[in-house]
C-alpha atoms as a PDB file:
ATOM      1  CA  MET A   1      33.326 -13.619  39.245  1.00  0.00           C
ATOM      2  CA  LYS A   2      34.764 -14.307  35.819  1.00  0.00           C
ATOM      3  CA  ARG A   3      31.909 -16.723  35.100  1.00  0.00           C
ATOM      4  CA  HIS A   4      29.333 -14.058  35.976  1.00  0.00           C
ATOM      5  CA  THR A   5      31.113 -11.551  33.738  1.00  0.00           C
ATOM      6  CA  PHE A   6      31.114 -14.015  30.853  1.00  0.00           C
ATOM      7  CA  PHE A   7      27.383 -14.701  31.136  1.00  0.00           C
ATOM      8  CA  TYR A   8      26.644 -10.981  31.429  1.00  0.00           C
ATOM      9  CA  LEU A   9      28.531 -10.240  28.213  1.00  0.00           C
ATOM     10  CA  LEU A  10      26.824 -13.137  26.440  1.00  0.00           C
ATOM     11  CA  LEU A  11      23.377 -11.904  27.537  1.00  0.00           C
ATOM     12  CA  THR A  12      24.210  -8.374  26.358  1.00  0.00           C
ATOM     13  CA  LEU A  13      25.210  -9.645  22.920  1.00  0.00           C
ATOM     14  CA  LEU A  14      22.050 -11.726  22.596  1.00  0.00           C
ATOM     15  CA  MET A  15      19.854  -8.784  23.616  1.00  0.00           C
ATOM     16  CA  SER A  16      21.522  -6.422  21.137  1.00  0.00           C
ATOM     17  CA  TYR A  17      21.058  -8.988  18.369  1.00  0.00           C
ATOM     18  CA  ALA A  18      17.381  -9.391  19.232  1.00  0.00           C
ATOM     19  CA  VAL A  19      16.802  -5.631  19.127  1.00  0.00           C
ATOM     20  CA  ASP A  20      18.454  -5.184  15.724  1.00  0.00           C
ATOM     21  CA  VAL A  21      17.255  -8.234  13.815  1.00  0.00           C
ATOM     22  CA  SER A  22      16.025  -6.198  10.869  1.00  0.00           C
ATOM     23  CA  ALA A  23      17.857  -3.502   8.963  1.00  0.00           C
ATOM     24  CA  SER A  24      14.745  -2.276   7.147  1.00  0.00           C
ATOM     25  CA  ARG A  25      14.124   1.442   7.328  1.00  0.00           C
ATOM     26  CA  ILE A  26      11.203   3.870   7.466  1.00  0.00           C
ATOM     27  CA  ASP A  27      11.810   7.349   6.012  1.00  0.00           C
ATOM     28  CA  THR A  28       9.365  10.142   6.862  1.00  0.00           C
ATOM     29  CA  ILE A  29       9.362  12.694   4.057  1.00  0.00           C
ATOM     30  CA  ALA A  30       7.756  16.073   3.400  1.00  0.00           C
ATOM     31  CA  PHE A  31       8.381  18.115   0.249  1.00  0.00           C
ATOM     32  CA  ARG A  32       6.550  20.846  -1.613  1.00  0.00           C
ATOM     33  CA  GLY A  33       5.290  19.898  -5.046  1.00  0.00           C
ATOM     34  CA  ASP A  34       6.702  21.883  -7.962  1.00  0.00           C
ATOM     35  CA  SER A  35       3.331  22.253  -9.693  1.00  0.00           C
ATOM     36  CA  SER A  36       0.773  22.189  -6.901  1.00  0.00           C
ATOM     37  CA  HIS A  37       2.977  23.833  -4.217  1.00  0.00           C
ATOM     38  CA  ILE A  38       1.250  21.472  -1.776  1.00  0.00           C
ATOM     39  CA  LEU A  39       3.289  20.023   1.050  1.00  0.00           C
ATOM     40  CA  GLN A  40       3.328  16.334   0.163  1.00  0.00           C
ATOM     41  CA  ARG A  41       3.881  13.917   3.044  1.00  0.00           C
ATOM     42  CA  MET A  42       4.669  10.207   3.043  1.00  0.00           C
ATOM     43  CA  CYS A  43       6.508   7.382   4.754  1.00  0.00           C
ATOM     44  CA  VAL A  44       8.753   5.054   2.739  1.00  0.00           C
ATOM     45  CA  TYR A  45       9.778   1.507   3.655  1.00  0.00           C
ATOM     46  CA  THR A  46      13.084   0.210   2.317  1.00  0.00           C
ATOM     47  CA  PRO A  47      14.101  -3.421   2.956  1.00  0.00           C
ATOM     48  CA  ASP A  48      17.133  -4.914   4.622  1.00  0.00           C
ATOM     49  CA  GLY A  49      20.074  -4.661   2.215  1.00  0.00           C
ATOM     50  CA  TYR A  50      18.775  -1.573   0.398  1.00  0.00           C
ATOM     51  CA  HIS A  51      21.526   0.878  -0.560  1.00  0.00           C
ATOM     52  CA  ALA A  52      20.816   4.203  -2.220  1.00  0.00           C
ATOM     53  CA  ASP A  53      24.068   4.106  -4.211  1.00  0.00           C
ATOM     54  CA  SER A  54      23.426   0.590  -5.559  1.00  0.00           C
ATOM     55  CA  SER A  55      22.350  -0.151  -9.125  1.00  0.00           C
ATOM     56  CA  THR A  56      19.822  -2.716  -7.881  1.00  0.00           C
ATOM     57  CA  THR A  57      16.198  -1.687  -8.449  1.00  0.00           C
ATOM     58  CA  TYR A  58      13.196  -2.827  -6.437  1.00  0.00           C
ATOM     59  CA  PRO A  59       9.486  -3.331  -7.096  1.00  0.00           C
ATOM     60  CA  LEU A  60       7.426  -0.338  -5.987  1.00  0.00           C
ATOM     61  CA  VAL A  61       4.138  -0.562  -4.094  1.00  0.00           C
ATOM     62  CA  TYR A  62       1.947   2.345  -2.982  1.00  0.00           C
ATOM     63  CA  LEU A  63      -0.444   1.698  -0.091  1.00  0.00           C
ATOM     64  CA  LEU A  64      -3.206   4.264   0.444  1.00  0.00           C
ATOM     65  CA  HIS A  65      -5.059   4.712   3.729  1.00  0.00           C
ATOM     66  CA  GLY A  66      -8.795   5.198   4.324  1.00  0.00           C
ATOM     67  CA  ILE A  67     -10.915   8.292   4.816  1.00  0.00           C
ATOM     68  CA  HIS A  68      -9.767   9.190   8.331  1.00  0.00           C
ATOM     69  CA  GLY A  69      -6.240   7.793   8.269  1.00  0.00           C
ATOM     70  CA  ASN A  70      -2.894   9.319   7.446  1.00  0.00           C
ATOM     71  CA  HIS A  71       0.555   8.336   6.198  1.00  0.00           C
ATOM     72  CA  TYR A  72       1.230   6.467   9.456  1.00  0.00           C
ATOM     73  CA  SER A  73      -1.912   4.312   9.323  1.00  0.00           C
ATOM     74  CA  TRP A  74      -0.394   1.299   7.554  1.00  0.00           C
ATOM     75  CA  LEU A  75       2.545   1.455   9.963  1.00  0.00           C
ATOM     76  CA  ARG A  76       0.507   1.964  13.137  1.00  0.00           C
ATOM     77  CA  ASP A  77      -2.681   0.001  12.453  1.00  0.00           C
ATOM     78  CA  GLY A  78      -1.539  -2.223   9.603  1.00  0.00           C
ATOM     79  CA  HIS A  79       1.666  -3.387  11.350  1.00  0.00           C
ATOM     80  CA  ILE A  80       3.236  -3.256   7.934  1.00  0.00           C
ATOM     81  CA  ARG A  81       6.921  -3.051   8.864  1.00  0.00           C
ATOM     82  CA  PRO A  82       7.154  -6.345  10.792  1.00  0.00           C
ATOM     83  CA  THR A  83       4.879  -7.922   8.177  1.00  0.00           C
ATOM     84  CA  LEU A  84       7.168  -6.938   5.302  1.00  0.00           C
ATOM     85  CA  ASP A  85      10.299  -7.847   7.271  1.00  0.00           C
ATOM     86  CA  SER A  86       8.873 -11.318   7.923  1.00  0.00           C
ATOM     87  CA  MET A  87       7.561 -11.942   4.400  1.00  0.00           C
ATOM     88  CA  ILE A  88      10.787 -10.803   2.758  1.00  0.00           C
ATOM     89  CA  GLY A  89      12.971 -12.583   5.312  1.00  0.00           C
ATOM     90  CA  ASN A  90      11.091 -15.866   4.807  1.00  0.00           C
ATOM     91  CA  GLY A  91      11.242 -15.627   1.010  1.00  0.00           C
ATOM     92  CA  LEU A  92       7.492 -15.194   0.528  1.00  0.00           C
ATOM     93  CA  VAL A  93       7.924 -11.945  -1.412  1.00  0.00           C
ATOM     94  CA  ARG A  94      10.793 -10.151  -3.066  1.00  0.00           C
ATOM     95  CA  PRO A  95      12.463  -7.159  -1.373  1.00  0.00           C
ATOM     96  CA  MET A  96      10.504  -4.041  -2.333  1.00  0.00           C
ATOM     97  CA  VAL A  97      10.079  -0.338  -1.676  1.00  0.00           C
ATOM     98  CA  VAL A  98       6.675   0.508  -0.200  1.00  0.00           C
ATOM     99  CA  VAL A  99       5.296   4.058   0.020  1.00  0.00           C
ATOM    100  CA  PHE A 100       2.515   5.307   2.305  1.00  0.00           C
ATOM    101  CA  PRO A 101       1.324   8.757   1.158  1.00  0.00           C
ATOM    102  CA  TYR A 102      -0.869  11.179   3.054  1.00  0.00           C
ATOM    103  CA  CYS A 103      -4.018  10.979   0.929  1.00  0.00           C
ATOM    104  CA  GLN A 104      -6.196  13.869   2.154  1.00  0.00           C
ATOM    105  CA  ARG A 105      -6.288  17.383   0.782  1.00  0.00           C
ATOM    106  CA  PHE A 106      -9.071  19.007   2.835  1.00  0.00           C
ATOM    107  CA  ASP A 107      -6.969  19.436   5.996  1.00  0.00           C
ATOM    108  CA  THR A 108      -3.216  20.017   6.062  1.00  0.00           C
ATOM    109  CA  SER A 109      -2.810  21.129   9.684  1.00  0.00           C
ATOM    110  CA  ASN A 110      -1.362  18.678  12.210  1.00  0.00           C
ATOM    111  CA  VAL A 111      -1.567  15.827   9.698  1.00  0.00           C
ATOM    112  CA  ASP A 112       0.397  13.503  11.970  1.00  0.00           C
ATOM    113  CA  GLU A 113      -2.804  12.894  13.949  1.00  0.00           C
ATOM    114  CA  PRO A 114      -5.692  11.144  12.153  1.00  0.00           C
ATOM    115  CA  ARG A 115      -8.980  13.051  12.043  1.00  0.00           C
ATOM    116  CA  SER A 116     -12.241  11.703  13.406  1.00  0.00           C
ATOM    117  CA  LEU A 117     -14.530   9.871  11.019  1.00  0.00           C
ATOM    118  CA  VAL A 118     -17.235  12.528  11.441  1.00  0.00           C
ATOM    119  CA  HIS A 119     -14.796  15.305  10.562  1.00  0.00           C
ATOM    120  CA  CYS A 120     -13.629  13.466   7.444  1.00  0.00           C
ATOM    121  CA  LEU A 121     -17.141  12.617   6.285  1.00  0.00           C
ATOM    122  CA  PHE A 122     -17.975  16.320   6.471  1.00  0.00           C
ATOM    123  CA  HIS A 123     -15.221  16.888   3.871  1.00  0.00           C
ATOM    124  CA  TYR A 124     -16.075  13.827   1.770  1.00  0.00           C
ATOM    125  CA  GLY A 125     -16.541  16.044  -1.287  1.00  0.00           C
ATOM    126  CA  SER A 126     -12.770  16.506  -1.447  1.00  0.00           C
ATOM    127  CA  ILE A 127     -12.384  12.773  -2.044  1.00  0.00           C
ATOM    128  CA  LEU A 128     -15.123  12.755  -4.680  1.00  0.00           C
ATOM    129  CA  ARG A 129     -13.421  15.628  -6.510  1.00  0.00           C
ATOM    130  CA  GLY A 130     -10.181  13.674  -6.672  1.00  0.00           C
ATOM    131  CA  ASP A 131      -8.037  16.394  -5.089  1.00  0.00           C
ATOM    132  CA  PHE A 132      -5.385  13.885  -3.984  1.00  0.00           C
ATOM    133  CA  GLU A 133      -5.251  12.043  -7.297  1.00  0.00           C
ATOM    134  CA  LYS A 134      -4.581  15.318  -9.148  1.00  0.00           C
ATOM    135  CA  THR A 135      -1.264  15.784  -7.330  1.00  0.00           C
ATOM    136  CA  PHE A 136      -0.355  12.153  -6.616  1.00  0.00           C
ATOM    137  CA  PHE A 137       2.164  11.950  -9.447  1.00  0.00           C
ATOM    138  CA  GLU A 138       4.318  14.588  -7.767  1.00  0.00           C
ATOM    139  CA  ILE A 139       4.831  11.900  -5.121  1.00  0.00           C
ATOM    140  CA  ASP A 140       5.524   9.239  -7.744  1.00  0.00           C
ATOM    141  CA  ASP A 141       8.068  11.453  -9.503  1.00  0.00           C
ATOM    142  CA  TYR A 142       9.802  12.175  -6.194  1.00  0.00           C
ATOM    143  CA  VAL A 143      10.033   8.485  -5.316  1.00  0.00           C
ATOM    144  CA  GLN A 144      11.440   7.592  -8.729  1.00  0.00           C
ATOM    145  CA  SER A 145      14.123  10.273  -8.473  1.00  0.00           C
ATOM    146  CA  HIS A 146      15.161   9.509  -4.878  1.00  0.00           C
ATOM    147  CA  TYR A 147      14.828   5.707  -4.587  1.00  0.00           C
ATOM    148  CA  ASN A 148      16.069   2.728  -6.589  1.00  0.00           C
ATOM    149  CA  VAL A 149      12.707   1.567  -7.887  1.00  0.00           C
ATOM    150  CA  ASP A 150      11.827  -0.294 -11.065  1.00  0.00           C
ATOM    151  CA  THR A 151      10.046   1.866 -13.629  1.00  0.00           C
ATOM    152  CA  ALA A 152       8.474  -1.046 -15.522  1.00  0.00           C
ATOM    153  CA  ARG A 153       4.685  -1.219 -15.168  1.00  0.00           C
ATOM    154  CA  THR A 154       4.909  -4.902 -14.287  1.00  0.00           C
ATOM    155  CA  GLN A 155       6.950  -4.045 -11.178  1.00  0.00           C
ATOM    156  CA  ARG A 156       4.708  -1.259  -9.922  1.00  0.00           C
ATOM    157  CA  ALA A 157       1.495  -1.506  -7.916  1.00  0.00           C
ATOM    158  CA  VAL A 158      -0.961   0.800  -6.205  1.00  0.00           C
ATOM    159  CA  ALA A 159      -3.396  -0.442  -3.578  1.00  0.00           C
ATOM    160  CA  GLY A 160      -5.732   1.118  -1.072  1.00  0.00           C
ATOM    161  CA  LEU A 161      -8.355   0.322   1.516  1.00  0.00           C
ATOM    162  CA  SER A 162     -11.911   1.655   1.738  1.00  0.00           C
ATOM    163  CA  CYS A 163     -11.927   5.200   0.252  1.00  0.00           C
ATOM    164  CA  GLY A 164      -8.220   4.774  -0.471  1.00  0.00           C
ATOM    165  CA  ALA A 165      -9.236   1.973  -2.840  1.00  0.00           C
ATOM    166  CA  ARG A 166     -11.365   4.499  -4.723  1.00  0.00           C
ATOM    167  CA  GLN A 167      -8.302   6.717  -5.075  1.00  0.00           C
ATOM    168  CA  ALA A 168      -6.187   3.755  -6.199  1.00  0.00           C
ATOM    169  CA  ALA A 169      -8.731   2.927  -8.912  1.00  0.00           C
ATOM    170  CA  VAL A 170      -8.530   6.487 -10.255  1.00  0.00           C
ATOM    171  CA  ILE A 171      -4.711   6.507 -10.190  1.00  0.00           C
ATOM    172  CA  ALA A 172      -4.712   3.157 -12.010  1.00  0.00           C
ATOM    173  CA  LYS A 173      -6.102   4.823 -15.124  1.00  0.00           C
ATOM    174  CA  SER A 174      -2.792   6.643 -15.607  1.00  0.00           C
ATOM    175  CA  GLY A 175      -1.247   3.566 -17.203  1.00  0.00           C
ATOM    176  CA  ARG A 176       1.750   3.601 -14.828  1.00  0.00           C
ATOM    177  CA  TYR A 177       0.785   0.488 -12.865  1.00  0.00           C
ATOM    178  CA  ASP A 178       0.039  -3.056 -13.973  1.00  0.00           C
ATOM    179  CA  ILE A 179      -1.192  -4.206 -10.562  1.00  0.00           C
ATOM    180  CA  VAL A 180      -4.013  -2.619  -8.552  1.00  0.00           C
ATOM    181  CA  GLY A 181      -5.317  -3.775  -5.181  1.00  0.00           C
ATOM    182  CA  LEU A 182      -8.717  -2.677  -3.905  1.00  0.00           C
ATOM    183  CA  PHE A 183      -9.379  -3.733  -0.305  1.00  0.00           C
ATOM    184  CA  CYS A 184     -13.050  -3.391   0.739  1.00  0.00           C
ATOM    185  CA  PRO A 185     -13.403  -0.633  -1.877  1.00  0.00           C
ATOM    186  CA  VAL A 186     -15.860   2.238  -1.552  1.00  0.00           C
ATOM    187  CA  ILE A 187     -16.212   2.941  -5.273  1.00  0.00           C
ATOM    188  CA  HIS A 188     -19.044   4.799  -6.931  1.00  0.00           C
ATOM    189  CA  ARG A 189     -20.896   3.417  -9.929  1.00  0.00           C
ATOM    190  CA  ARG A 190     -19.445   6.004 -12.303  1.00  0.00           C
ATOM    191  CA  GLN A 191     -15.936   4.780 -11.524  1.00  0.00           C
ATOM    192  CA  ARG A 192     -16.334   1.534 -13.389  1.00  0.00           C
ATOM    193  CA  PRO A 193     -13.256   0.646 -15.448  1.00  0.00           C
ATOM    194  CA  ASP A 194     -13.929   2.249 -18.807  1.00  0.00           C
ATOM    195  CA  SER A 195     -10.595   3.820 -19.679  1.00  0.00           C
ATOM    196  CA  GLU A 196      -8.627   2.740 -22.722  1.00  0.00           C
ATOM    197  CA  ILE A 197      -5.590   2.288 -20.477  1.00  0.00           C
ATOM    198  CA  GLU A 198      -6.217  -0.260 -17.763  1.00  0.00           C
ATOM    199  CA  PRO A 199      -3.827  -2.157 -15.488  1.00  0.00           C
ATOM    200  CA  ALA A 200      -2.985  -5.739 -16.322  1.00  0.00           C
ATOM    201  CA  HIS A 201      -4.799  -7.028 -13.263  1.00  0.00           C
ATOM    202  CA  TYR A 202      -7.209  -5.840 -10.579  1.00  0.00           C
ATOM    203  CA  TRP A 203      -7.180  -7.679  -7.252  1.00  0.00           C
ATOM    204  CA  ILE A 204     -10.335  -6.953  -5.255  1.00  0.00           C
ATOM    205  CA  GLY A 205     -10.794  -8.070  -1.656  1.00  0.00           C
ATOM    206  CA  VAL A 206     -14.225  -8.040  -0.031  1.00  0.00           C
ATOM    207  CA  THR A 207     -15.653  -9.370   3.246  1.00  0.00           C
ATOM    208  CA  GLU A 208     -19.027 -10.913   4.002  1.00  0.00           C
ATOM    209  CA  GLY A 209     -19.733  -8.539   6.889  1.00  0.00           C
ATOM    210  CA  ASP A 210     -18.915  -5.327   5.002  1.00  0.00           C
ATOM    211  CA  VAL A 211     -21.757  -2.929   4.242  1.00  0.00           C
ATOM    212  CA  PHE A 212     -19.843  -1.979   1.057  1.00  0.00           C
ATOM    213  CA  LEU A 213     -19.550  -5.589  -0.141  1.00  0.00           C
ATOM    214  CA  TYR A 214     -21.701  -4.924  -3.209  1.00  0.00           C
ATOM    215  CA  LYS A 215     -19.380  -2.156  -4.422  1.00  0.00           C
ATOM    216  CA  GLY A 216     -16.414  -4.490  -4.780  1.00  0.00           C
ATOM    217  CA  ARG A 217     -18.533  -7.150  -6.488  1.00  0.00           C
ATOM    218  CA  ARG A 218     -20.004  -4.575  -8.867  1.00  0.00           C
ATOM    219  CA  PHE A 219     -16.547  -3.329  -9.861  1.00  0.00           C
ATOM    220  CA  SER A 220     -15.379  -6.917 -10.419  1.00  0.00           C
ATOM    221  CA  LEU A 221     -18.327  -7.625 -12.722  1.00  0.00           C
ATOM    222  CA  ALA A 222     -17.590  -4.430 -14.659  1.00  0.00           C
ATOM    223  CA  CYS A 223     -14.019  -5.637 -15.222  1.00  0.00           C
ATOM    224  CA  GLU A 224     -15.234  -9.026 -16.435  1.00  0.00           C
ATOM    225  CA  LYS A 225     -17.637  -7.436 -18.914  1.00  0.00           C
ATOM    226  CA  ARG A 226     -14.810  -5.370 -20.380  1.00  0.00           C
ATOM    227  CA  GLY A 227     -12.382  -8.291 -20.525  1.00  0.00           C
ATOM    228  CA  ILE A 228     -10.061  -6.826 -17.895  1.00  0.00           C
ATOM    229  CA  PRO A 229      -8.284  -9.469 -15.770  1.00  0.00           C
ATOM    230  CA  VAL A 230      -9.649  -9.376 -12.235  1.00  0.00           C
ATOM    231  CA  THR A 231      -9.479 -11.495  -9.089  1.00  0.00           C
ATOM    232  CA  LEU A 232     -12.309 -11.263  -6.572  1.00  0.00           C
ATOM    233  CA  TYR A 233     -11.268 -12.531  -3.164  1.00  0.00           C
ATOM    234  CA  GLN A 234     -14.055 -12.907  -0.613  1.00  0.00           C
ATOM    235  CA  ASP A 235     -13.384 -13.592   3.030  1.00  0.00           C
ATOM    236  CA  LYS A 236     -15.155 -13.531   6.353  1.00  0.00           C
ATOM    237  CA  GLY A 237     -14.836 -10.456   8.513  1.00  0.00           C
ATOM    238  CA  SER A 238     -15.817  -6.836   8.226  1.00  0.00           C
ATOM    239  CA  HIS A 239     -14.605  -3.387   7.177  1.00  0.00           C
ATOM    240  CA  ASN A 240     -11.558  -3.326   9.454  1.00  0.00           C
ATOM    241  CA  TRP A 241      -7.789  -3.658   9.740  1.00  0.00           C
ATOM    242  CA  LYS A 242      -7.870  -7.356  10.496  1.00  0.00           C
ATOM    243  CA  ALA A 243      -9.343  -7.998   7.046  1.00  0.00           C
ATOM    244  CA  TRP A 244      -7.114  -5.465   5.279  1.00  0.00           C
ATOM    245  CA  ARG A 245      -3.933  -6.930   6.759  1.00  0.00           C
ATOM    246  CA  ARG A 246      -4.931 -10.399   5.586  1.00  0.00           C
ATOM    247  CA  MET A 247      -5.777  -9.089   2.108  1.00  0.00           C
ATOM    248  CA  LEU A 248      -2.427  -7.351   1.824  1.00  0.00           C
ATOM    249  CA  ASP A 249      -0.549 -10.566   2.642  1.00  0.00           C
ATOM    250  CA  ILE A 250      -2.372 -12.460  -0.118  1.00  0.00           C
ATOM    251  CA  PHE A 251      -2.033  -9.559  -2.569  1.00  0.00           C
ATOM    252  CA  LEU A 252       1.745  -9.296  -2.121  1.00  0.00           C
ATOM    253  CA  GLU A 253       2.318 -13.056  -2.256  1.00  0.00           C
ATOM    254  CA  THR A 254       0.268 -13.278  -5.451  1.00  0.00           C
ATOM    255  CA  PHE A 255       2.077 -10.597  -7.436  1.00  0.00           C
ATOM    256  CA  PHE A 256       5.502 -10.198  -5.812  1.00  0.00           C
ATOM    257  CA  ALA A 257       6.554 -13.721  -4.899  1.00  0.00           C
ATOM    258  CA  PRO A 258      10.095 -14.757  -5.926  1.00  0.00           C
ATOM    259  CA  ALA A 259      10.286 -15.995  -9.516  1.00  0.00           C
ATOM    260  CA  ASP A 260      10.586 -19.637  -8.453  1.00  0.00           C
ATOM    261  CA  ASN A 261       7.566 -19.374  -6.159  1.00  0.00           C
ATOM    262  CA  LYS A 262       5.245 -17.087  -8.085  1.00  0.00           C
ATOM    263  CA  GLN A 263       1.534 -17.695  -7.637  1.00  0.00           C
ATOM    264  CA  GLN A 264      -1.156 -17.196 -10.228  1.00  0.00           C
ATOM    265  CA  PRO A 265      -4.125 -15.001  -9.309  1.00  0.00           C
ATOM    266  CA  VAL A 266      -6.984 -17.285  -8.329  1.00  0.00           C
ATOM    267  CA  GLN A 267     -10.666 -16.407  -8.253  1.00  0.00           C
ATOM    268  CA  GLN A 268     -11.960 -17.108  -4.766  1.00  0.00           C
ATOM    269  CA  GLN A 269     -15.517 -17.028  -3.513  1.00  0.00           C
END
């Protein structure tokens, strides 16, 4: 009887350890912007060991979703929490704060459920007008005042997939971010990098099976002509989460590896 009790207690301890391997956290936040009075929504990842009352600051990465996603997309479809836990735990990247904003402005009802692609395409003009980008910095200001994040441009990045990459490219012109990731970007010709303030490096991921492949290549060429550092990464695959998850891994390892293991951006074809 005592032997059975011992093994039962041991199994219970092992199971509890397996359930709580990671102490990372996901905060779901909604606040009303002071200027826009829009209800801003986002999820925020903080790594194991993060303490709000600590003086330690962390790199900051914004990840934007696509046209018919929401602030849960990178968590639900991108499997980002276990990915970050694993990469940080294995020393591939430094501990960081990652923010997933809700990037649409045409529909604010029941935003926890993603809209259909047809519904979002009907409101595509909202994305072209840049409605989200106009109020994005209310989110950035909130994050800086509530989380221990580094304010140096070199420690701040914004990245997005598909139409979210278009939004990331617009936000990049603010001069607040040195690192910009564009995953299978849907970027119009007039959005070529022509601002006086450009990030230190664009990282563009494209796939051979993507109908928007030419848009990423065109943006990369525009960067090269203007002398803006750019990496064009081309892979197999299509316009889907499998490709975007792989691109994110490479993007983070390239720019946020520990100092003794930092990679240099490499042009890949």
